[in-house]
Amino acid sequence: MTGVLEGFGVITVVIAVGFVLAHLGVVTLDYQWMLSRLVFFVGSPALLFSVLADTDVGGALSKALVANAASVAAVALVALVLARWRWRRGWADTTLAALCAGYVNAGNLGLPIAIYVLGDASAVAGALLLQLLVLAPLAFVVLDQSESMERPTVLTVLSRPFRNPLTVGAVVGVVVALTGVPVPRWVADPIDLLAGLAIPGMLIAFGISLRLGPKPGASGAGTQVAILTVVKLAVQPLVAYLVARFALGLDGSALLAVVVVAGLPTAQNVFVTAVRYDRSVAVVRDVVFATTVLSFLTILAIAALLA
């Protein structure tokens, strides 16, 4: 339980820093936009490279990845159907709804929980690879196309993910991990330094938004936020458990790792992405806030039931 408390404690403190800075007038709402773009174009790509370059890619491609992929597919489909045909959202907003439902906070919350609760940082590697190499590129194709008035060609669609800095950072990191090519110190050190921007930057931007942006619940889409929160925190870990336990035969610590990762809250990266594309910002912010707060209880429950 200590790892859960530490993980949430770190996040809460850094978000509170952004909130207090905004409350004292040290920063304005423009700083949120600036920080979000800085994280999107610089910090996050560097962080993804650093994490994935040291990941055992072969170990990450396991039964746990299959269970995680199944849970993500299930909740993303539910969100897609609801957003597109029930709530009548456009494809960009629908894509963000699907990310809210299935894109877990495997980085700044998942890593400390994996280390302190599960005892193995690689427990979140599969989720990271799935999100960065499959979910994110697909989402960015839709979001980028929503900003373009041109009719997409096959070459445009195939090349667009590799023009996104997050995807580029992830792909290069995986290539380094697979090939074992040593990264020179003069290259690795600046990248590690820039990677330090990502987590505090996105959390401080989130705190600024909580103080100066629309208040939680002010999105006017309370029902949508509530449904996406339930889908994220209840449906996804349940699907992960059913697939891992009964389809793949996992048990013990392996089963616990799969379900805990699926029960992580919606990643702050989704909020950064919403700000970047200026779509569903208030709704995404509310879902990230609600799932982050409530996931403390759900992860404690998962750990108590399966540990």
C-alpha atoms as a PDB file:
ATOM      1  CA  MET A   1       0.000   0.000   0.000  1.00  0.00           C
ATOM      2  CA  THR A   2       2.954   2.322   0.585  1.00  0.00           C
ATOM      3  CA  GLY A   3       3.714   2.463  -3.124  1.00  0.00           C
ATOM      4  CA  VAL A   4       0.158   3.516  -3.950  1.00  0.00           C
ATOM      5  CA  LEU A   5       0.305   6.266  -1.335  1.00  0.00           C
ATOM      6  CA  GLU A   6       3.715   7.464  -2.541  1.00  0.00           C
ATOM      7  CA  GLY A   7       2.665   7.523  -6.192  1.00  0.00           C
ATOM      8  CA  PHE A   8      -0.469   9.532  -5.531  1.00  0.00           C
ATOM      9  CA  GLY A   9       1.328  11.749  -3.025  1.00  0.00           C
ATOM     10  CA  VAL A  10       3.960  12.818  -5.568  1.00  0.00           C
ATOM     11  CA  ILE A  11       1.338  13.639  -8.188  1.00  0.00           C
ATOM     12  CA  THR A  12      -0.828  15.575  -5.725  1.00  0.00           C
ATOM     13  CA  VAL A  13       2.070  17.730  -4.529  1.00  0.00           C
ATOM     14  CA  VAL A  14       3.178  18.720  -8.037  1.00  0.00           C
ATOM     15  CA  ILE A  15      -0.385  19.473  -9.176  1.00  0.00           C
ATOM     16  CA  ALA A  16      -0.774  21.583  -6.037  1.00  0.00           C
ATOM     17  CA  VAL A  17       2.328  23.593  -7.006  1.00  0.00           C
ATOM     18  CA  GLY A  18       0.655  24.591 -10.280  1.00  0.00           C
ATOM     19  CA  PHE A  19      -2.572  25.402  -8.461  1.00  0.00           C
ATOM     20  CA  VAL A  20      -0.821  27.609  -5.869  1.00  0.00           C
ATOM     21  CA  LEU A  21       1.277  29.416  -8.487  1.00  0.00           C
ATOM     22  CA  ALA A  22      -1.895  30.240 -10.407  1.00  0.00           C
ATOM     23  CA  HIS A  23      -3.725  31.273  -7.239  1.00  0.00           C
ATOM     24  CA  LEU A  24      -0.929  33.660  -6.255  1.00  0.00           C
ATOM     25  CA  GLY A  25      -0.861  35.214  -9.718  1.00  0.00           C
ATOM     26  CA  VAL A  26       2.674  34.054 -10.459  1.00  0.00           C
ATOM     27  CA  VAL A  27       1.407  32.405 -13.666  1.00  0.00           C
ATOM     28  CA  THR A  28      -1.615  32.929 -15.899  1.00  0.00           C
ATOM     29  CA  LEU A  29      -3.672  30.564 -18.020  1.00  0.00           C
ATOM     30  CA  ASP A  30      -1.311  31.286 -20.935  1.00  0.00           C
ATOM     31  CA  TYR A  31       1.393  29.425 -19.025  1.00  0.00           C
ATOM     32  CA  GLN A  32      -0.748  26.283 -19.138  1.00  0.00           C
ATOM     33  CA  TRP A  33      -0.822  26.469 -22.925  1.00  0.00           C
ATOM     34  CA  MET A  34       2.933  27.125 -23.082  1.00  0.00           C
ATOM     35  CA  LEU A  35       3.804  24.299 -20.671  1.00  0.00           C
ATOM     36  CA  SER A  36       1.516  21.859 -22.476  1.00  0.00           C
ATOM     37  CA  ARG A  37       3.170  22.571 -25.823  1.00  0.00           C
ATOM     38  CA  LEU A  38       6.647  22.396 -24.293  1.00  0.00           C
ATOM     39  CA  VAL A  39       5.815  18.996 -22.819  1.00  0.00           C
ATOM     40  CA  PHE A  40       4.214  17.797 -26.057  1.00  0.00           C
ATOM     41  CA  PHE A  41       7.056  18.797 -28.380  1.00  0.00           C
ATOM     42  CA  VAL A  42      10.116  18.437 -26.109  1.00  0.00           C
ATOM     43  CA  GLY A  43       9.676  16.814 -22.700  1.00  0.00           C
ATOM     44  CA  SER A  44       7.455  13.850 -23.528  1.00  0.00           C
ATOM     45  CA  PRO A  45       9.385  12.683 -26.616  1.00  0.00           C
ATOM     46  CA  ALA A  46      12.618  12.792 -24.607  1.00  0.00           C
ATOM     47  CA  LEU A  47      11.009  10.910 -21.703  1.00  0.00           C
ATOM     48  CA  LEU A  48       9.569   8.239 -23.977  1.00  0.00           C
ATOM     49  CA  PHE A  49      12.934   7.692 -25.613  1.00  0.00           C
ATOM     50  CA  SER A  50      14.680   7.408 -22.231  1.00  0.00           C
ATOM     51  CA  VAL A  51      12.149   4.932 -20.802  1.00  0.00           C
ATOM     52  CA  LEU A  52      11.747   2.715 -23.860  1.00  0.00           C
ATOM     53  CA  ALA A  53      15.443   2.618 -24.766  1.00  0.00           C
ATOM     54  CA  ASP A  54      16.060   0.768 -21.480  1.00  0.00           C
ATOM     55  CA  THR A  55      12.964  -1.471 -21.721  1.00  0.00           C
ATOM     56  CA  ASP A  56      13.116  -5.221 -22.246  1.00  0.00           C
ATOM     57  CA  VAL A  57      10.862  -5.139 -25.306  1.00  0.00           C
ATOM     58  CA  GLY A  58      10.764  -8.921 -25.587  1.00  0.00           C
ATOM     59  CA  GLY A  59       9.651  -9.244 -21.972  1.00  0.00           C
ATOM     60  CA  ALA A  60       6.978  -6.622 -22.467  1.00  0.00           C
ATOM     61  CA  LEU A  61       5.454  -8.584 -25.358  1.00  0.00           C
ATOM     62  CA  SER A  62       3.823 -11.202 -23.154  1.00  0.00           C
ATOM     63  CA  LYS A  63       0.443 -12.444 -21.973  1.00  0.00           C
ATOM     64  CA  ALA A  64       0.126  -9.266 -19.909  1.00  0.00           C
ATOM     65  CA  LEU A  65       0.260  -7.213 -23.089  1.00  0.00           C
ATOM     66  CA  VAL A  66      -2.507  -9.327 -24.634  1.00  0.00           C
ATOM     67  CA  ALA A  67      -4.762  -8.790 -21.612  1.00  0.00           C
ATOM     68  CA  ASN A  68      -3.995  -5.084 -21.571  1.00  0.00           C
ATOM     69  CA  ALA A  69      -4.715  -4.764 -25.291  1.00  0.00           C
ATOM     70  CA  ALA A  70      -8.035  -6.579 -24.891  1.00  0.00           C
ATOM     71  CA  SER A  71      -9.119  -4.279 -22.067  1.00  0.00           C
ATOM     72  CA  VAL A  72      -8.125  -1.169 -24.020  1.00  0.00           C
ATOM     73  CA  ALA A  73      -9.962  -2.350 -27.124  1.00  0.00           C
ATOM     74  CA  ALA A  74     -13.116  -3.075 -25.130  1.00  0.00           C
ATOM     75  CA  VAL A  75     -13.355   0.281 -23.363  1.00  0.00           C
ATOM     76  CA  ALA A  76     -12.246   2.269 -26.432  1.00  0.00           C
ATOM     77  CA  LEU A  77     -15.054   0.641 -28.417  1.00  0.00           C
ATOM     78  CA  VAL A  78     -17.584   1.512 -25.715  1.00  0.00           C
ATOM     79  CA  ALA A  79     -16.385   5.138 -25.637  1.00  0.00           C
ATOM     80  CA  LEU A  80     -16.366   5.363 -29.429  1.00  0.00           C
ATOM     81  CA  VAL A  81     -19.950   4.126 -29.740  1.00  0.00           C
ATOM     82  CA  LEU A  82     -21.182   6.442 -26.978  1.00  0.00           C
ATOM     83  CA  ALA A  83     -19.353   9.555 -28.183  1.00  0.00           C
ATOM     84  CA  ARG A  84     -20.076   9.142 -31.866  1.00  0.00           C
ATOM     85  CA  TRP A  85     -23.651   7.871 -31.907  1.00  0.00           C
ATOM     86  CA  ARG A  86     -25.044   8.722 -28.470  1.00  0.00           C
ATOM     87  CA  TRP A  87     -23.433  12.102 -27.769  1.00  0.00           C
ATOM     88  CA  ARG A  88     -23.124  13.067 -31.468  1.00  0.00           C
ATOM     89  CA  ARG A  89     -19.469  14.106 -31.234  1.00  0.00           C
ATOM     90  CA  GLY A  90     -17.105  14.646 -34.162  1.00  0.00           C
ATOM     91  CA  TRP A  91     -14.278  12.229 -34.826  1.00  0.00           C
ATOM     92  CA  ALA A  92     -11.680  14.344 -33.004  1.00  0.00           C
ATOM     93  CA  ASP A  93     -13.792  14.545 -29.829  1.00  0.00           C
ATOM     94  CA  THR A  94     -14.696  10.860 -30.181  1.00  0.00           C
ATOM     95  CA  THR A  95     -11.005   9.976 -30.380  1.00  0.00           C
ATOM     96  CA  LEU A  96     -10.302  11.903 -27.178  1.00  0.00           C
ATOM     97  CA  ALA A  97     -13.204  10.135 -25.467  1.00  0.00           C
ATOM     98  CA  ALA A  98     -11.687   6.782 -26.433  1.00  0.00           C
ATOM     99  CA  LEU A  99      -8.312   7.916 -25.057  1.00  0.00           C
ATOM    100  CA  CYS A 100      -9.997   8.994 -21.819  1.00  0.00           C
ATOM    101  CA  ALA A 101     -11.462   5.513 -21.466  1.00  0.00           C
ATOM    102  CA  GLY A 102      -8.377   3.458 -22.250  1.00  0.00           C
ATOM    103  CA  TYR A 103      -5.134   5.469 -22.155  1.00  0.00           C
ATOM    104  CA  VAL A 104      -3.660   4.743 -18.721  1.00  0.00           C
ATOM    105  CA  ASN A 105      -1.255   6.835 -16.706  1.00  0.00           C
ATOM    106  CA  ALA A 106       1.560   4.306 -17.106  1.00  0.00           C
ATOM    107  CA  GLY A 107       4.322   6.892 -16.762  1.00  0.00           C
ATOM    108  CA  ASN A 108       4.292   9.249 -13.810  1.00  0.00           C
ATOM    109  CA  LEU A 109       1.874   7.129 -11.731  1.00  0.00           C
ATOM    110  CA  GLY A 110       2.278   3.675 -13.243  1.00  0.00           C
ATOM    111  CA  LEU A 111       6.056   3.554 -12.870  1.00  0.00           C
ATOM    112  CA  PRO A 112       6.186   4.315  -9.115  1.00  0.00           C
ATOM    113  CA  ILE A 113       3.314   1.907  -8.445  1.00  0.00           C
ATOM    114  CA  ALA A 114       5.007  -0.770 -10.549  1.00  0.00           C
ATOM    115  CA  ILE A 115       8.231  -0.301  -8.594  1.00  0.00           C
ATOM    116  CA  TYR A 116       6.832  -0.024  -5.074  1.00  0.00           C
ATOM    117  CA  VAL A 117       3.690  -2.190  -5.269  1.00  0.00           C
ATOM    118  CA  LEU A 118       4.505  -4.758  -7.942  1.00  0.00           C
ATOM    119  CA  GLY A 119       8.273  -4.750  -7.493  1.00  0.00           C
ATOM    120  CA  ASP A 120       8.943  -4.610 -11.227  1.00  0.00           C
ATOM    121  CA  ALA A 121       9.053  -1.480 -13.392  1.00  0.00           C
ATOM    122  CA  SER A 122       8.663  -3.594 -16.532  1.00  0.00           C
ATOM    123  CA  ALA A 123       5.077  -4.357 -15.473  1.00  0.00           C
ATOM    124  CA  VAL A 124       3.994  -1.166 -17.242  1.00  0.00           C
ATOM    125  CA  ALA A 125       6.292  -1.607 -20.246  1.00  0.00           C
ATOM    126  CA  GLY A 126       3.657  -3.460 -22.257  1.00  0.00           C
ATOM    127  CA  ALA A 127       1.074  -0.753 -21.649  1.00  0.00           C
ATOM    128  CA  LEU A 128       3.578   1.932 -22.612  1.00  0.00           C
ATOM    129  CA  LEU A 129       4.487   0.181 -25.853  1.00  0.00           C
ATOM    130  CA  LEU A 130       0.846  -0.417 -26.780  1.00  0.00           C
ATOM    131  CA  GLN A 131      -0.094   3.177 -26.128  1.00  0.00           C
ATOM    132  CA  LEU A 132       2.891   4.806 -27.754  1.00  0.00           C
ATOM    133  CA  LEU A 133       3.253   2.584 -30.805  1.00  0.00           C
ATOM    134  CA  VAL A 134      -0.414   1.810 -31.534  1.00  0.00           C
ATOM    135  CA  LEU A 135      -2.941   3.983 -29.695  1.00  0.00           C
ATOM    136  CA  ALA A 136      -1.133   7.316 -29.907  1.00  0.00           C
ATOM    137  CA  PRO A 137      -0.250   7.080 -33.622  1.00  0.00           C
ATOM    138  CA  LEU A 138      -3.827   6.102 -34.528  1.00  0.00           C
ATOM    139  CA  ALA A 139      -5.227   8.930 -32.409  1.00  0.00           C
ATOM    140  CA  PHE A 140      -2.854  11.492 -33.881  1.00  0.00           C
ATOM    141  CA  VAL A 141      -3.811  10.487 -37.417  1.00  0.00           C
ATOM    142  CA  VAL A 142      -7.444  11.352 -36.633  1.00  0.00           C
ATOM    143  CA  LEU A 143      -6.617  14.493 -34.651  1.00  0.00           C
ATOM    144  CA  ASP A 144      -4.129  15.806 -37.204  1.00  0.00           C
ATOM    145  CA  GLN A 145      -6.555  15.148 -40.026  1.00  0.00           C
ATOM    146  CA  SER A 146      -9.267  17.060 -38.151  1.00  0.00           C
ATOM    147  CA  GLU A 147      -7.055  20.150 -38.461  1.00  0.00           C
ATOM    148  CA  SER A 148      -6.417  19.630 -42.165  1.00  0.00           C
ATOM    149  CA  MET A 149      -8.839  20.523 -44.946  1.00  0.00           C
ATOM    150  CA  GLU A 150      -6.971  18.400 -47.489  1.00  0.00           C
ATOM    151  CA  ARG A 151      -8.219  14.994 -48.574  1.00  0.00           C
ATOM    152  CA  PRO A 152      -5.783  12.478 -47.044  1.00  0.00           C
ATOM    153  CA  THR A 153      -3.744  10.164 -49.257  1.00  0.00           C
ATOM    154  CA  VAL A 154      -2.439   6.745 -48.247  1.00  0.00           C
ATOM    155  CA  LEU A 155       1.085   8.161 -47.971  1.00  0.00           C
ATOM    156  CA  THR A 156      -0.172  11.021 -45.792  1.00  0.00           C
ATOM    157  CA  VAL A 157      -1.978   8.668 -43.419  1.00  0.00           C
ATOM    158  CA  LEU A 158       0.986   6.285 -43.150  1.00  0.00           C
ATOM    159  CA  SER A 159       3.563   9.023 -42.653  1.00  0.00           C
ATOM    160  CA  ARG A 160       1.559  11.293 -40.332  1.00  0.00           C
ATOM    161  CA  PRO A 161       2.293   9.356 -37.103  1.00  0.00           C
ATOM    162  CA  PHE A 162       6.020   9.685 -37.741  1.00  0.00           C
ATOM    163  CA  ARG A 163       5.681  13.445 -37.951  1.00  0.00           C
ATOM    164  CA  ASN A 164       4.383  13.495 -34.386  1.00  0.00           C
ATOM    165  CA  PRO A 165       7.144  14.090 -31.792  1.00  0.00           C
ATOM    166  CA  LEU A 166       5.708  11.602 -29.279  1.00  0.00           C
ATOM    167  CA  THR A 167       5.642   8.775 -31.788  1.00  0.00           C
ATOM    168  CA  VAL A 168       9.139   9.611 -33.033  1.00  0.00           C
ATOM    169  CA  GLY A 169      10.536   9.534 -29.484  1.00  0.00           C
ATOM    170  CA  ALA A 170       8.848   6.184 -28.797  1.00  0.00           C
ATOM    171  CA  VAL A 171       9.918   4.558 -32.069  1.00  0.00           C
ATOM    172  CA  VAL A 172      13.549   5.635 -31.732  1.00  0.00           C
ATOM    173  CA  GLY A 173      13.593   4.374 -28.144  1.00  0.00           C
ATOM    174  CA  VAL A 174      12.254   0.959 -29.195  1.00  0.00           C
ATOM    175  CA  VAL A 175      14.798   0.735 -32.038  1.00  0.00           C
ATOM    176  CA  VAL A 176      17.618   1.393 -29.565  1.00  0.00           C
ATOM    177  CA  ALA A 177      16.198  -1.224 -27.181  1.00  0.00           C
ATOM    178  CA  LEU A 178      15.871  -3.860 -29.913  1.00  0.00           C
ATOM    179  CA  THR A 179      19.266  -3.270 -31.508  1.00  0.00           C
ATOM    180  CA  GLY A 180      21.219  -2.707 -28.321  1.00  0.00           C
ATOM    181  CA  VAL A 181      23.071   0.184 -29.930  1.00  0.00           C
ATOM    182  CA  PRO A 182      24.819   2.150 -27.159  1.00  0.00           C
ATOM    183  CA  VAL A 183      23.744   5.771 -26.896  1.00  0.00           C
ATOM    184  CA  PRO A 184      26.726   8.112 -26.459  1.00  0.00           C
ATOM    185  CA  ARG A 185      26.830   9.964 -23.169  1.00  0.00           C
ATOM    186  CA  TRP A 186      26.806  13.334 -24.930  1.00  0.00           C
ATOM    187  CA  VAL A 187      23.491  12.336 -26.548  1.00  0.00           C
ATOM    188  CA  ALA A 188      21.866  10.529 -23.613  1.00  0.00           C
ATOM    189  CA  ASP A 189      22.573  13.193 -20.987  1.00  0.00           C
ATOM    190  CA  PRO A 190      20.803  16.096 -22.762  1.00  0.00           C
ATOM    191  CA  ILE A 191      17.865  13.800 -23.577  1.00  0.00           C
ATOM    192  CA  ASP A 192      17.579  12.722 -19.932  1.00  0.00           C
ATOM    193  CA  LEU A 193      17.735  16.362 -18.878  1.00  0.00           C
ATOM    194  CA  LEU A 194      14.943  17.335 -21.285  1.00  0.00           C
ATOM    195  CA  ALA A 195      12.920  14.301 -20.200  1.00  0.00           C
ATOM    196  CA  GLY A 196      12.770  15.862 -16.746  1.00  0.00           C
ATOM    197  CA  LEU A 197      10.450  18.512 -18.194  1.00  0.00           C
ATOM    198  CA  ALA A 198       7.675  16.061 -19.003  1.00  0.00           C
ATOM    199  CA  ILE A 199       6.095  14.897 -15.767  1.00  0.00           C
ATOM    200  CA  PRO A 200       6.340  18.108 -13.694  1.00  0.00           C
ATOM    201  CA  GLY A 201       5.396  20.175 -16.745  1.00  0.00           C
ATOM    202  CA  MET A 202       2.189  18.285 -17.468  1.00  0.00           C
ATOM    203  CA  LEU A 203       1.216  18.143 -13.786  1.00  0.00           C
ATOM    204  CA  ILE A 204       1.852  21.854 -13.184  1.00  0.00           C
ATOM    205  CA  ALA A 205      -0.143  22.689 -16.330  1.00  0.00           C
ATOM    206  CA  PHE A 206      -2.943  20.531 -14.949  1.00  0.00           C
ATOM    207  CA  GLY A 207      -2.821  22.381 -11.609  1.00  0.00           C
ATOM    208  CA  ILE A 208      -2.955  25.761 -13.375  1.00  0.00           C
ATOM    209  CA  SER A 209      -6.014  24.591 -15.291  1.00  0.00           C
ATOM    210  CA  LEU A 210      -7.745  23.505 -12.090  1.00  0.00           C
ATOM    211  CA  ARG A 211      -7.328  26.995 -10.612  1.00  0.00           C
ATOM    212  CA  LEU A 212      -7.811  29.268 -13.629  1.00  0.00           C
ATOM    213  CA  GLY A 213      -9.659  27.121 -16.131  1.00  0.00           C
ATOM    214  CA  PRO A 214     -13.287  26.036 -15.946  1.00  0.00           C
ATOM    215  CA  LYS A 215     -13.943  24.421 -12.576  1.00  0.00           C
ATOM    216  CA  PRO A 216     -14.307  20.619 -12.478  1.00  0.00           C
ATOM    217  CA  GLY A 217     -17.860  19.857 -13.491  1.00  0.00           C
ATOM    218  CA  ALA A 218     -18.169  23.112 -15.445  1.00  0.00           C
ATOM    219  CA  SER A 219     -17.738  21.361 -18.781  1.00  0.00           C
ATOM    220  CA  GLY A 220     -21.511  20.996 -19.054  1.00  0.00           C
ATOM    221  CA  ALA A 221     -21.033  17.313 -19.801  1.00  0.00           C
ATOM    222  CA  GLY A 222     -21.289  15.798 -16.335  1.00  0.00           C
ATOM    223  CA  THR A 223     -22.987  12.654 -17.577  1.00  0.00           C
ATOM    224  CA  GLN A 224     -20.288  12.044 -20.173  1.00  0.00           C
ATOM    225  CA  VAL A 225     -17.537  12.607 -17.613  1.00  0.00           C
ATOM    226  CA  ALA A 226     -19.206  10.237 -15.145  1.00  0.00           C
ATOM    227  CA  ILE A 227     -19.699   7.488 -17.733  1.00  0.00           C
ATOM    228  CA  LEU A 228     -16.132   7.738 -19.051  1.00  0.00           C
ATOM    229  CA  THR A 229     -14.839   7.642 -15.465  1.00  0.00           C
ATOM    230  CA  VAL A 230     -16.783   4.459 -14.702  1.00  0.00           C
ATOM    231  CA  VAL A 231     -15.661   2.868 -17.967  1.00  0.00           C
ATOM    232  CA  LYS A 232     -12.025   3.711 -17.177  1.00  0.00           C
ATOM    233  CA  LEU A 233     -11.901   2.682 -13.512  1.00  0.00           C
ATOM    234  CA  ALA A 234     -14.380  -0.210 -13.429  1.00  0.00           C
ATOM    235  CA  VAL A 235     -14.854  -1.700 -16.878  1.00  0.00           C
ATOM    236  CA  GLN A 236     -11.221  -1.698 -18.023  1.00  0.00           C
ATOM    237  CA  PRO A 237      -9.746  -3.493 -14.977  1.00  0.00           C
ATOM    238  CA  LEU A 238     -12.694  -5.932 -14.990  1.00  0.00           C
ATOM    239  CA  VAL A 239     -12.096  -6.847 -18.640  1.00  0.00           C
ATOM    240  CA  ALA A 240      -8.359  -7.149 -17.962  1.00  0.00           C
ATOM    241  CA  TYR A 241      -9.053  -9.488 -15.044  1.00  0.00           C
ATOM    242  CA  LEU A 242     -11.441 -11.709 -17.004  1.00  0.00           C
ATOM    243  CA  VAL A 243      -9.111 -12.026 -19.988  1.00  0.00           C
ATOM    244  CA  ALA A 244      -5.965 -12.530 -17.895  1.00  0.00           C
ATOM    245  CA  ARG A 245      -7.522 -14.982 -15.445  1.00  0.00           C
ATOM    246  CA  PHE A 246      -9.790 -17.108 -17.603  1.00  0.00           C
ATOM    247  CA  ALA A 247      -8.457 -16.746 -21.157  1.00  0.00           C
ATOM    248  CA  LEU A 248      -4.716 -16.588 -20.422  1.00  0.00           C
ATOM    249  CA  GLY A 249      -4.541 -18.446 -17.111  1.00  0.00           C
ATOM    250  CA  LEU A 250      -2.606 -15.801 -15.196  1.00  0.00           C
ATOM    251  CA  ASP A 251      -2.681 -15.730 -11.409  1.00  0.00           C
ATOM    252  CA  GLY A 252      -0.730 -14.389  -8.452  1.00  0.00           C
ATOM    253  CA  SER A 253       1.542 -11.409  -8.993  1.00  0.00           C
ATOM    254  CA  ALA A 254       1.184 -11.595 -12.789  1.00  0.00           C
ATOM    255  CA  LEU A 255      -2.594 -11.243 -12.532  1.00  0.00           C
ATOM    256  CA  LEU A 256      -2.271  -8.440  -9.978  1.00  0.00           C
ATOM    257  CA  ALA A 257       0.088  -6.513 -12.275  1.00  0.00           C
ATOM    258  CA  VAL A 258      -2.278  -6.733 -15.248  1.00  0.00           C
ATOM    259  CA  VAL A 259      -5.316  -5.549 -13.290  1.00  0.00           C
ATOM    260  CA  VAL A 260      -3.472  -2.758 -11.455  1.00  0.00           C
ATOM    261  CA  VAL A 261      -2.108  -1.373 -14.748  1.00  0.00           C
ATOM    262  CA  ALA A 262      -5.604  -1.483 -16.281  1.00  0.00           C
ATOM    263  CA  GLY A 263      -6.961   0.311 -13.201  1.00  0.00           C
ATOM    264  CA  LEU A 264      -4.602   3.271 -13.518  1.00  0.00           C
ATOM    265  CA  PRO A 265      -6.310   6.627 -14.167  1.00  0.00           C
ATOM    266  CA  THR A 266      -6.477   8.435 -17.487  1.00  0.00           C
ATOM    267  CA  ALA A 267      -3.039   9.814 -18.328  1.00  0.00           C
ATOM    268  CA  GLN A 268      -2.282  13.533 -18.150  1.00  0.00           C
ATOM    269  CA  ASN A 269      -0.911  13.088 -21.685  1.00  0.00           C
ATOM    270  CA  VAL A 270      -4.514  12.959 -22.893  1.00  0.00           C
ATOM    271  CA  PHE A 271      -5.132  16.371 -21.326  1.00  0.00           C
ATOM    272  CA  VAL A 272      -1.951  17.726 -22.937  1.00  0.00           C
ATOM    273  CA  THR A 273      -3.148  16.353 -26.271  1.00  0.00           C
ATOM    274  CA  ALA A 274      -6.593  17.909 -25.830  1.00  0.00           C
ATOM    275  CA  VAL A 275      -4.971  21.293 -25.170  1.00  0.00           C
ATOM    276  CA  ARG A 276      -2.659  20.850 -28.154  1.00  0.00           C
ATOM    277  CA  TYR A 277      -5.583  20.235 -30.534  1.00  0.00           C
ATOM    278  CA  ASP A 278      -8.040  22.469 -28.628  1.00  0.00           C
ATOM    279  CA  ARG A 279     -10.708  19.760 -28.490  1.00  0.00           C
ATOM    280  CA  SER A 280     -12.818  18.639 -25.499  1.00  0.00           C
ATOM    281  CA  VAL A 281     -10.347  20.309 -23.116  1.00  0.00           C
ATOM    282  CA  ALA A 282     -12.807  20.739 -20.218  1.00  0.00           C
ATOM    283  CA  VAL A 283     -14.265  17.241 -20.571  1.00  0.00           C
ATOM    284  CA  VAL A 284     -10.844  15.590 -20.759  1.00  0.00           C
ATOM    285  CA  ARG A 285      -9.589  17.644 -17.818  1.00  0.00           C
ATOM    286  CA  ASP A 286     -12.605  16.542 -15.727  1.00  0.00           C
ATOM    287  CA  VAL A 287     -12.103  12.880 -16.624  1.00  0.00           C
ATOM    288  CA  VAL A 288      -8.382  13.045 -15.790  1.00  0.00           C
ATOM    289  CA  PHE A 289      -9.197  14.762 -12.487  1.00  0.00           C
ATOM    290  CA  ALA A 290     -11.982  12.330 -11.530  1.00  0.00           C
ATOM    291  CA  THR A 291     -10.100   9.177 -12.468  1.00  0.00           C
ATOM    292  CA  THR A 292      -6.910  10.353 -10.746  1.00  0.00           C
ATOM    293  CA  VAL A 293      -8.753  11.050  -7.479  1.00  0.00           C
ATOM    294  CA  LEU A 294     -10.955   7.952  -7.539  1.00  0.00           C
ATOM    295  CA  SER A 295      -8.311   5.536  -8.800  1.00  0.00           C
ATOM    296  CA  PHE A 296      -6.649   5.807  -5.406  1.00  0.00           C
ATOM    297  CA  LEU A 297      -9.587   3.826  -4.005  1.00  0.00           C
ATOM    298  CA  THR A 298      -9.915   1.405  -6.919  1.00  0.00           C
ATOM    299  CA  ILE A 299      -6.213   0.497  -6.937  1.00  0.00           C
ATOM    300  CA  LEU A 300      -6.266  -0.014  -3.174  1.00  0.00           C
ATOM    301  CA  ALA A 301      -9.264  -2.316  -3.638  1.00  0.00           C
ATOM    302  CA  ILE A 302      -7.556  -4.238  -6.462  1.00  0.00           C
ATOM    303  CA  ALA A 303      -4.394  -4.647  -4.405  1.00  0.00           C
ATOM    304  CA  ALA A 304      -6.376  -5.785  -1.358  1.00  0.00           C
ATOM    305  CA  LEU A 305      -8.397  -8.345  -3.357  1.00  0.00           C
ATOM    306  CA  LEU A 306      -5.608  -9.804  -5.489  1.00  0.00           C
ATOM    307  CA  ALA A 307      -2.412  -9.313  -3.487  1.00  0.00           C
END
